């Protein structure tokens, strides 16, 4: 009987659909606990779900390709979900009036400082060109960051890992850090989260307010557009040294 159960368990965990169900179920469980405990930053459901899934895949020796064969359905809906962020942003149009120059300046400065600080830290720690080019797009949403990394000579899978890690850290510590600095305007908080923590930060911002989430979505989208032009130029400078 035990051998039969073990055989069934081994068959089950090697089915791609199992990991789709596990991903959704695990997130729902973590999110329920997150909401019930008052949304503590350290219990971010995305961070916890990703940590548990990575641990399970490593312990059970499940290849990422097998996992993604099932979970790619979630990835498929990522694009439409991102586009849908335009709806709450449209509802906040009245709060955007007169902020065009301020937002554009903030985005340009934020993205430039992020890229230059990343390169400086990488250079000081002895990172080679492929690693430097891989970490350069760390403040952009994952699909765009991977595309830019591939274009400029980075390593897309490494870029994806760094971007996701950045988003999780930003979602966990970002709002509390901004509050401690004295920022209370949800528009400011949203822009900061969108620039630094992209999609995961935007999801966290919607937990603060619709205004914060909408401005975060705007910053995330514009950051992707600006970075597509800005980062290849910076990457050219990297290759000169």
C-alpha atoms as a PDB file:
ATOM      1  CA  UNK A   1       0.000   0.000   0.000  1.00  0.00           C
ATOM      2  CA  UNK A   2       2.767   2.438   0.925  1.00  0.00           C
ATOM      3  CA  UNK A   3       4.622   1.659  -2.296  1.00  0.00           C
ATOM      4  CA  UNK A   4       1.460   2.400  -4.266  1.00  0.00           C
ATOM      5  CA  UNK A   5       1.010   5.716  -2.455  1.00  0.00           C
ATOM      6  CA  UNK A   6       4.627   6.659  -3.058  1.00  0.00           C
ATOM      7  CA  UNK A   7       4.271   5.757  -6.711  1.00  0.00           C
ATOM      8  CA  UNK A   8       1.127   7.856  -7.013  1.00  0.00           C
ATOM      9  CA  UNK A   9       2.824  10.767  -5.231  1.00  0.00           C
ATOM     10  CA  UNK A  10       5.809  10.561  -7.577  1.00  0.00           C
ATOM     11  CA  UNK A  11       3.480  10.497 -10.598  1.00  0.00           C
ATOM     12  CA  UNK A  12       1.457  13.407  -9.243  1.00  0.00           C
ATOM     13  CA  UNK A  13       4.337  15.815  -8.655  1.00  0.00           C
ATOM     14  CA  UNK A  14       5.583  15.180 -12.173  1.00  0.00           C
ATOM     15  CA  UNK A  15       2.320  16.381 -13.725  1.00  0.00           C
ATOM     16  CA  UNK A  16       2.532  19.984 -14.984  1.00  0.00           C
ATOM     17  CA  UNK A  17      -1.077  20.738 -13.970  1.00  0.00           C
ATOM     18  CA  UNK A  18      -0.225  19.836 -10.368  1.00  0.00           C
ATOM     19  CA  UNK A  19       2.146  22.805 -10.134  1.00  0.00           C
ATOM     20  CA  UNK A  20      -0.460  25.162 -11.578  1.00  0.00           C
ATOM     21  CA  UNK A  21      -2.887  24.104  -8.855  1.00  0.00           C
ATOM     22  CA  UNK A  22      -0.124  24.238  -6.235  1.00  0.00           C
ATOM     23  CA  UNK A  23       0.895  27.756  -7.256  1.00  0.00           C
ATOM     24  CA  UNK A  24      -2.641  29.146  -7.138  1.00  0.00           C
ATOM     25  CA  UNK A  25      -3.553  27.283  -3.961  1.00  0.00           C
ATOM     26  CA  UNK A  26      -0.374  28.282  -2.159  1.00  0.00           C
ATOM     27  CA  UNK A  27      -0.805  31.945  -3.047  1.00  0.00           C
ATOM     28  CA  UNK A  28      -4.429  31.926  -1.903  1.00  0.00           C
ATOM     29  CA  UNK A  29      -3.379  30.359   1.397  1.00  0.00           C
ATOM     30  CA  UNK A  30      -0.583  32.872   1.957  1.00  0.00           C
ATOM     31  CA  UNK A  31      -2.794  35.783   0.960  1.00  0.00           C
ATOM     32  CA  UNK A  32      -5.537  34.679   3.358  1.00  0.00           C
ATOM     33  CA  UNK A  33      -3.025  34.628   6.207  1.00  0.00           C
ATOM     34  CA  UNK A  34      -1.625  37.976   5.061  1.00  0.00           C
ATOM     35  CA  UNK A  35      -5.059  39.608   5.161  1.00  0.00           C
ATOM     36  CA  UNK A  36      -6.061  38.010   8.452  1.00  0.00           C
ATOM     37  CA  UNK A  37      -2.897  39.191  10.215  1.00  0.00           C
ATOM     38  CA  UNK A  38      -3.352  42.796   9.074  1.00  0.00           C
ATOM     39  CA  UNK A  39      -1.077  42.749   6.001  1.00  0.00           C
ATOM     40  CA  UNK A  40       2.320  42.758   7.751  1.00  0.00           C
ATOM     41  CA  UNK A  41       5.071  43.643   5.272  1.00  0.00           C
ATOM     42  CA  UNK A  42       7.260  40.665   6.185  1.00  0.00           C
ATOM     43  CA  UNK A  43       4.454  38.242   5.294  1.00  0.00           C
ATOM     44  CA  UNK A  44       4.084  39.393   1.693  1.00  0.00           C
ATOM     45  CA  UNK A  45       2.156  36.554  -0.008  1.00  0.00           C
ATOM     46  CA  UNK A  46       4.149  36.748  -3.241  1.00  0.00           C
ATOM     47  CA  UNK A  47       7.463  36.478  -1.386  1.00  0.00           C
ATOM     48  CA  UNK A  48       6.291  33.624   0.820  1.00  0.00           C
ATOM     49  CA  UNK A  49       4.660  31.708  -2.035  1.00  0.00           C
ATOM     50  CA  UNK A  50       7.768  32.025  -4.210  1.00  0.00           C
ATOM     51  CA  UNK A  51      10.018  30.916  -1.342  1.00  0.00           C
ATOM     52  CA  UNK A  52       7.913  27.829  -0.588  1.00  0.00           C
ATOM     53  CA  UNK A  53       7.638  26.895  -4.278  1.00  0.00           C
ATOM     54  CA  UNK A  54      11.373  27.241  -4.864  1.00  0.00           C
ATOM     55  CA  UNK A  55      12.063  25.105  -1.794  1.00  0.00           C
ATOM     56  CA  UNK A  56       9.621  22.422  -2.957  1.00  0.00           C
ATOM     57  CA  UNK A  57      11.046  22.329  -6.478  1.00  0.00           C
ATOM     58  CA  UNK A  58      14.573  22.043  -5.117  1.00  0.00           C
ATOM     59  CA  UNK A  59      13.730  19.398  -2.518  1.00  0.00           C
ATOM     60  CA  UNK A  60      11.663  17.279  -4.936  1.00  0.00           C
ATOM     61  CA  UNK A  61      14.213  17.790  -7.748  1.00  0.00           C
ATOM     62  CA  UNK A  62      11.554  19.064 -10.139  1.00  0.00           C
ATOM     63  CA  UNK A  63      13.003  20.805 -13.241  1.00  0.00           C
ATOM     64  CA  UNK A  64      11.877  24.368 -13.783  1.00  0.00           C
ATOM     65  CA  UNK A  65      10.764  23.438 -17.310  1.00  0.00           C
ATOM     66  CA  UNK A  66       8.259  20.951 -15.853  1.00  0.00           C
ATOM     67  CA  UNK A  67       6.971  23.530 -13.397  1.00  0.00           C
ATOM     68  CA  UNK A  68       6.584  26.180 -16.092  1.00  0.00           C
ATOM     69  CA  UNK A  69       4.717  23.810 -18.408  1.00  0.00           C
ATOM     70  CA  UNK A  70       1.888  23.949 -15.903  1.00  0.00           C
ATOM     71  CA  UNK A  71       2.287  27.440 -14.481  1.00  0.00           C
ATOM     72  CA  UNK A  72       2.619  29.118 -17.889  1.00  0.00           C
ATOM     73  CA  UNK A  73      -1.153  29.663 -17.826  1.00  0.00           C
ATOM     74  CA  UNK A  74      -0.526  32.248 -15.105  1.00  0.00           C
ATOM     75  CA  UNK A  75       2.187  33.828 -17.243  1.00  0.00           C
ATOM     76  CA  UNK A  76      -0.259  33.953 -20.156  1.00  0.00           C
ATOM     77  CA  UNK A  77      -2.640  36.147 -18.163  1.00  0.00           C
ATOM     78  CA  UNK A  78       0.132  38.459 -16.979  1.00  0.00           C
ATOM     79  CA  UNK A  79      -0.120  40.617 -20.112  1.00  0.00           C
ATOM     80  CA  UNK A  80      -3.900  41.187 -19.951  1.00  0.00           C
ATOM     81  CA  UNK A  81      -3.665  41.812 -16.197  1.00  0.00           C
ATOM     82  CA  UNK A  82      -1.011  44.487 -16.804  1.00  0.00           C
ATOM     83  CA  UNK A  83      -3.133  46.158 -19.500  1.00  0.00           C
ATOM     84  CA  UNK A  84      -6.128  46.086 -17.139  1.00  0.00           C
ATOM     85  CA  UNK A  85      -4.212  48.381 -14.797  1.00  0.00           C
ATOM     86  CA  UNK A  86      -5.154  51.166 -17.206  1.00  0.00           C
ATOM     87  CA  UNK A  87      -8.720  51.083 -15.829  1.00  0.00           C
ATOM     88  CA  UNK A  88      -7.979  52.359 -12.284  1.00  0.00           C
ATOM     89  CA  UNK A  89      -5.437  54.750 -13.793  1.00  0.00           C
ATOM     90  CA  UNK A  90      -8.140  56.230 -16.027  1.00  0.00           C
ATOM     91  CA  UNK A  91     -10.320  56.668 -12.963  1.00  0.00           C
ATOM     92  CA  UNK A  92      -7.531  58.718 -11.370  1.00  0.00           C
ATOM     93  CA  UNK A  93      -6.991  61.073 -14.312  1.00  0.00           C
ATOM     94  CA  UNK A  94      -8.177  64.093 -12.323  1.00  0.00           C
ATOM     95  CA  UNK A  95      -5.258  63.568  -9.920  1.00  0.00           C
ATOM     96  CA  UNK A  96      -2.749  63.576 -12.796  1.00  0.00           C
ATOM     97  CA  UNK A  97      -3.512  67.141 -13.888  1.00  0.00           C
ATOM     98  CA  UNK A  98      -0.481  69.394 -13.730  1.00  0.00           C
ATOM     99  CA  UNK A  99       1.879  66.567 -12.722  1.00  0.00           C
ATOM    100  CA  UNK A 100       3.284  65.687 -16.146  1.00  0.00           C
ATOM    101  CA  UNK A 101       6.628  67.477 -15.736  1.00  0.00           C
ATOM    102  CA  UNK A 102       7.066  66.324 -12.142  1.00  0.00           C
ATOM    103  CA  UNK A 103       6.376  62.675 -13.014  1.00  0.00           C
ATOM    104  CA  UNK A 104       8.628  62.736 -16.086  1.00  0.00           C
ATOM    105  CA  UNK A 105      11.480  64.308 -14.108  1.00  0.00           C
ATOM    106  CA  UNK A 106      11.050  61.823 -11.282  1.00  0.00           C
ATOM    107  CA  UNK A 107      11.105  58.874 -13.674  1.00  0.00           C
ATOM    108  CA  UNK A 108      14.211  60.058 -15.518  1.00  0.00           C
ATOM    109  CA  UNK A 109      16.113  60.789 -12.313  1.00  0.00           C
ATOM    110  CA  UNK A 110      14.929  57.644 -10.555  1.00  0.00           C
ATOM    111  CA  UNK A 111      15.798  55.289 -13.403  1.00  0.00           C
ATOM    112  CA  UNK A 112      19.149  56.963 -14.077  1.00  0.00           C
ATOM    113  CA  UNK A 113      20.193  56.886 -10.414  1.00  0.00           C
ATOM    114  CA  UNK A 114      19.052  53.268 -10.112  1.00  0.00           C
ATOM    115  CA  UNK A 115      21.056  52.186 -13.158  1.00  0.00           C
ATOM    116  CA  UNK A 116      24.197  54.119 -12.198  1.00  0.00           C
ATOM    117  CA  UNK A 117      24.133  52.955  -8.560  1.00  0.00           C
ATOM    118  CA  UNK A 118      23.656  49.364  -9.717  1.00  0.00           C
ATOM    119  CA  UNK A 119      26.628  49.623 -12.044  1.00  0.00           C
ATOM    120  CA  UNK A 120      28.760  51.308  -9.376  1.00  0.00           C
ATOM    121  CA  UNK A 121      28.033  48.564  -6.827  1.00  0.00           C
ATOM    122  CA  UNK A 122      28.651  45.860  -9.428  1.00  0.00           C
ATOM    123  CA  UNK A 123      31.910  47.436 -10.523  1.00  0.00           C
ATOM    124  CA  UNK A 124      33.141  47.886  -6.938  1.00  0.00           C
ATOM    125  CA  UNK A 125      32.407  44.220  -6.186  1.00  0.00           C
ATOM    126  CA  UNK A 126      34.281  43.027  -9.252  1.00  0.00           C
ATOM    127  CA  UNK A 127      31.355  41.974 -11.447  1.00  0.00           C
ATOM    128  CA  UNK A 128      32.169  41.244 -15.084  1.00  0.00           C
ATOM    129  CA  UNK A 129      30.405  42.742 -18.072  1.00  0.00           C
ATOM    130  CA  UNK A 130      27.781  39.962 -18.494  1.00  0.00           C
ATOM    131  CA  UNK A 131      26.751  40.286 -14.841  1.00  0.00           C
ATOM    132  CA  UNK A 132      26.704  44.083 -14.971  1.00  0.00           C
ATOM    133  CA  UNK A 133      24.489  44.015 -18.054  1.00  0.00           C
ATOM    134  CA  UNK A 134      22.221  41.441 -16.412  1.00  0.00           C
ATOM    135  CA  UNK A 135      21.593  43.504 -13.283  1.00  0.00           C
ATOM    136  CA  UNK A 136      21.227  46.808 -15.140  1.00  0.00           C
ATOM    137  CA  UNK A 137      17.437  46.465 -15.774  1.00  0.00           C
ATOM    138  CA  UNK A 138      16.615  45.509 -12.154  1.00  0.00           C
ATOM    139  CA  UNK A 139      13.967  48.247 -11.789  1.00  0.00           C
ATOM    140  CA  UNK A 140      11.810  47.248 -14.780  1.00  0.00           C
ATOM    141  CA  UNK A 141       8.986  44.745 -15.002  1.00  0.00           C
ATOM    142  CA  UNK A 142      10.279  41.223 -15.699  1.00  0.00           C
ATOM    143  CA  UNK A 143       9.249  40.612 -19.357  1.00  0.00           C
ATOM    144  CA  UNK A 144      10.690  43.941 -20.506  1.00  0.00           C
ATOM    145  CA  UNK A 145      13.803  43.554 -18.334  1.00  0.00           C
ATOM    146  CA  UNK A 146      14.554  40.135 -19.851  1.00  0.00           C
ATOM    147  CA  UNK A 147      14.130  41.515 -23.357  1.00  0.00           C
ATOM    148  CA  UNK A 148      16.469  44.420 -22.641  1.00  0.00           C
ATOM    149  CA  UNK A 149      19.027  42.127 -20.984  1.00  0.00           C
ATOM    150  CA  UNK A 150      19.081  39.865 -24.025  1.00  0.00           C
ATOM    151  CA  UNK A 151      19.451  42.846 -26.348  1.00  0.00           C
ATOM    152  CA  UNK A 152      22.369  44.436 -24.473  1.00  0.00           C
ATOM    153  CA  UNK A 153      24.271  41.195 -23.841  1.00  0.00           C
ATOM    154  CA  UNK A 154      23.085  40.212 -20.383  1.00  0.00           C
ATOM    155  CA  UNK A 155      21.780  36.871 -19.112  1.00  0.00           C
ATOM    156  CA  UNK A 156      17.935  36.941 -19.187  1.00  0.00           C
ATOM    157  CA  UNK A 157      17.286  34.197 -16.563  1.00  0.00           C
ATOM    158  CA  UNK A 158      19.630  35.957 -14.133  1.00  0.00           C
ATOM    159  CA  UNK A 159      17.904  39.248 -14.880  1.00  0.00           C
ATOM    160  CA  UNK A 160      14.510  37.679 -14.133  1.00  0.00           C
ATOM    161  CA  UNK A 161      15.742  36.410 -10.759  1.00  0.00           C
ATOM    162  CA  UNK A 162      17.194  39.801  -9.822  1.00  0.00           C
ATOM    163  CA  UNK A 163      14.102  41.714 -10.960  1.00  0.00           C
ATOM    164  CA  UNK A 164      11.734  39.449  -9.013  1.00  0.00           C
ATOM    165  CA  UNK A 165      13.934  39.663  -5.918  1.00  0.00           C
ATOM    166  CA  UNK A 166      14.033  43.452  -6.236  1.00  0.00           C
ATOM    167  CA  UNK A 167      10.247  43.576  -6.545  1.00  0.00           C
ATOM    168  CA  UNK A 168       9.725  41.403  -3.477  1.00  0.00           C
ATOM    169  CA  UNK A 169      12.147  43.428  -1.359  1.00  0.00           C
ATOM    170  CA  UNK A 170      10.617  46.676  -2.552  1.00  0.00           C
ATOM    171  CA  UNK A 171       7.111  45.473  -1.737  1.00  0.00           C
ATOM    172  CA  UNK A 172       8.184  44.321   1.717  1.00  0.00           C
ATOM    173  CA  UNK A 173      10.206  47.329   2.877  1.00  0.00           C
ATOM    174  CA  UNK A 174       9.183  50.125   0.493  1.00  0.00           C
ATOM    175  CA  UNK A 175       5.981  51.514   2.053  1.00  0.00           C
ATOM    176  CA  UNK A 176       7.323  51.438   5.618  1.00  0.00           C
ATOM    177  CA  UNK A 177      10.546  53.125   4.552  1.00  0.00           C
ATOM    178  CA  UNK A 178       8.650  55.875   2.705  1.00  0.00           C
ATOM    179  CA  UNK A 179       6.406  56.463   5.722  1.00  0.00           C
ATOM    180  CA  UNK A 180       9.455  56.816   7.956  1.00  0.00           C
ATOM    181  CA  UNK A 181      10.839  59.425   5.580  1.00  0.00           C
ATOM    182  CA  UNK A 182       7.645  61.400   6.073  1.00  0.00           C
ATOM    183  CA  UNK A 183       5.869  60.710   2.774  1.00  0.00           C
ATOM    184  CA  UNK A 184       2.093  60.412   3.158  1.00  0.00           C
ATOM    185  CA  UNK A 185       0.862  61.322  -0.329  1.00  0.00           C
ATOM    186  CA  UNK A 186      -0.332  58.116  -2.010  1.00  0.00           C
ATOM    187  CA  UNK A 187       0.659  59.518  -5.403  1.00  0.00           C
ATOM    188  CA  UNK A 188       4.270  59.888  -4.286  1.00  0.00           C
ATOM    189  CA  UNK A 189       4.303  56.449  -2.684  1.00  0.00           C
ATOM    190  CA  UNK A 190       2.829  54.896  -5.833  1.00  0.00           C
ATOM    191  CA  UNK A 191       5.376  56.508  -8.164  1.00  0.00           C
ATOM    192  CA  UNK A 192       8.254  55.426  -5.925  1.00  0.00           C
ATOM    193  CA  UNK A 193       6.972  51.845  -5.753  1.00  0.00           C
ATOM    194  CA  UNK A 194       6.386  51.656  -9.501  1.00  0.00           C
ATOM    195  CA  UNK A 195       9.910  52.814 -10.286  1.00  0.00           C
ATOM    196  CA  UNK A 196      11.681  50.623  -7.747  1.00  0.00           C
ATOM    197  CA  UNK A 197       9.511  47.525  -7.331  1.00  0.00           C
ATOM    198  CA  UNK A 198       7.559  47.297 -10.655  1.00  0.00           C
ATOM    199  CA  UNK A 199       4.749  44.696 -10.773  1.00  0.00           C
ATOM    200  CA  UNK A 200       5.024  43.278  -7.264  1.00  0.00           C
ATOM    201  CA  UNK A 201       5.365  46.772  -5.861  1.00  0.00           C
ATOM    202  CA  UNK A 202       2.286  47.838  -7.817  1.00  0.00           C
ATOM    203  CA  UNK A 203       0.283  44.970  -6.338  1.00  0.00           C
ATOM    204  CA  UNK A 204       1.437  46.064  -2.877  1.00  0.00           C
ATOM    205  CA  UNK A 205       0.505  49.668  -3.687  1.00  0.00           C
ATOM    206  CA  UNK A 206      -3.073  48.685  -4.486  1.00  0.00           C
ATOM    207  CA  UNK A 207      -3.166  47.262  -0.970  1.00  0.00           C
ATOM    208  CA  UNK A 208      -2.460  50.789   0.287  1.00  0.00           C
ATOM    209  CA  UNK A 209      -5.026  52.571  -1.888  1.00  0.00           C
ATOM    210  CA  UNK A 210      -6.368  52.712  -5.432  1.00  0.00           C
ATOM    211  CA  UNK A 211      -4.531  56.007  -5.920  1.00  0.00           C
ATOM    212  CA  UNK A 212      -1.171  54.538  -4.888  1.00  0.00           C
ATOM    213  CA  UNK A 213      -1.742  51.481  -7.067  1.00  0.00           C
ATOM    214  CA  UNK A 214      -2.772  53.549 -10.096  1.00  0.00           C
ATOM    215  CA  UNK A 215       0.248  55.836  -9.880  1.00  0.00           C
ATOM    216  CA  UNK A 216       2.497  52.820  -9.345  1.00  0.00           C
ATOM    217  CA  UNK A 217       1.067  51.204 -12.489  1.00  0.00           C
ATOM    218  CA  UNK A 218       1.718  54.415 -14.420  1.00  0.00           C
ATOM    219  CA  UNK A 219       5.306  54.612 -13.175  1.00  0.00           C
ATOM    220  CA  UNK A 220       5.898  50.939 -13.984  1.00  0.00           C
ATOM    221  CA  UNK A 221       4.611  51.304 -17.556  1.00  0.00           C
ATOM    222  CA  UNK A 222       6.506  54.530 -18.266  1.00  0.00           C
ATOM    223  CA  UNK A 223       9.667  53.108 -16.672  1.00  0.00           C
ATOM    224  CA  UNK A 224       9.583  50.218 -19.136  1.00  0.00           C
ATOM    225  CA  UNK A 225       9.263  52.609 -22.074  1.00  0.00           C
ATOM    226  CA  UNK A 226      11.975  55.003 -20.912  1.00  0.00           C
ATOM    227  CA  UNK A 227      14.360  52.197 -19.935  1.00  0.00           C
ATOM    228  CA  UNK A 228      14.026  50.603 -23.367  1.00  0.00           C
ATOM    229  CA  UNK A 229      15.752  53.720 -24.716  1.00  0.00           C
ATOM    230  CA  UNK A 230      17.942  54.706 -21.760  1.00  0.00           C
ATOM    231  CA  UNK A 231      19.520  51.388 -20.734  1.00  0.00           C
ATOM    232  CA  UNK A 232      20.988  50.395 -24.128  1.00  0.00           C
ATOM    233  CA  UNK A 233      22.799  53.754 -24.138  1.00  0.00           C
ATOM    234  CA  UNK A 234      24.176  53.126 -20.634  1.00  0.00           C
ATOM    235  CA  UNK A 235      25.095  49.573 -21.662  1.00  0.00           C
ATOM    236  CA  UNK A 236      27.200  50.967 -24.502  1.00  0.00           C
ATOM    237  CA  UNK A 237      29.158  52.997 -21.972  1.00  0.00           C
ATOM    238  CA  UNK A 238      29.697  49.829 -19.869  1.00  0.00           C
ATOM    239  CA  UNK A 239      31.290  48.006 -22.791  1.00  0.00           C
ATOM    240  CA  UNK A 240      33.840  50.813 -23.183  1.00  0.00           C
ATOM    241  CA  UNK A 241      35.449  50.019 -19.807  1.00  0.00           C
END
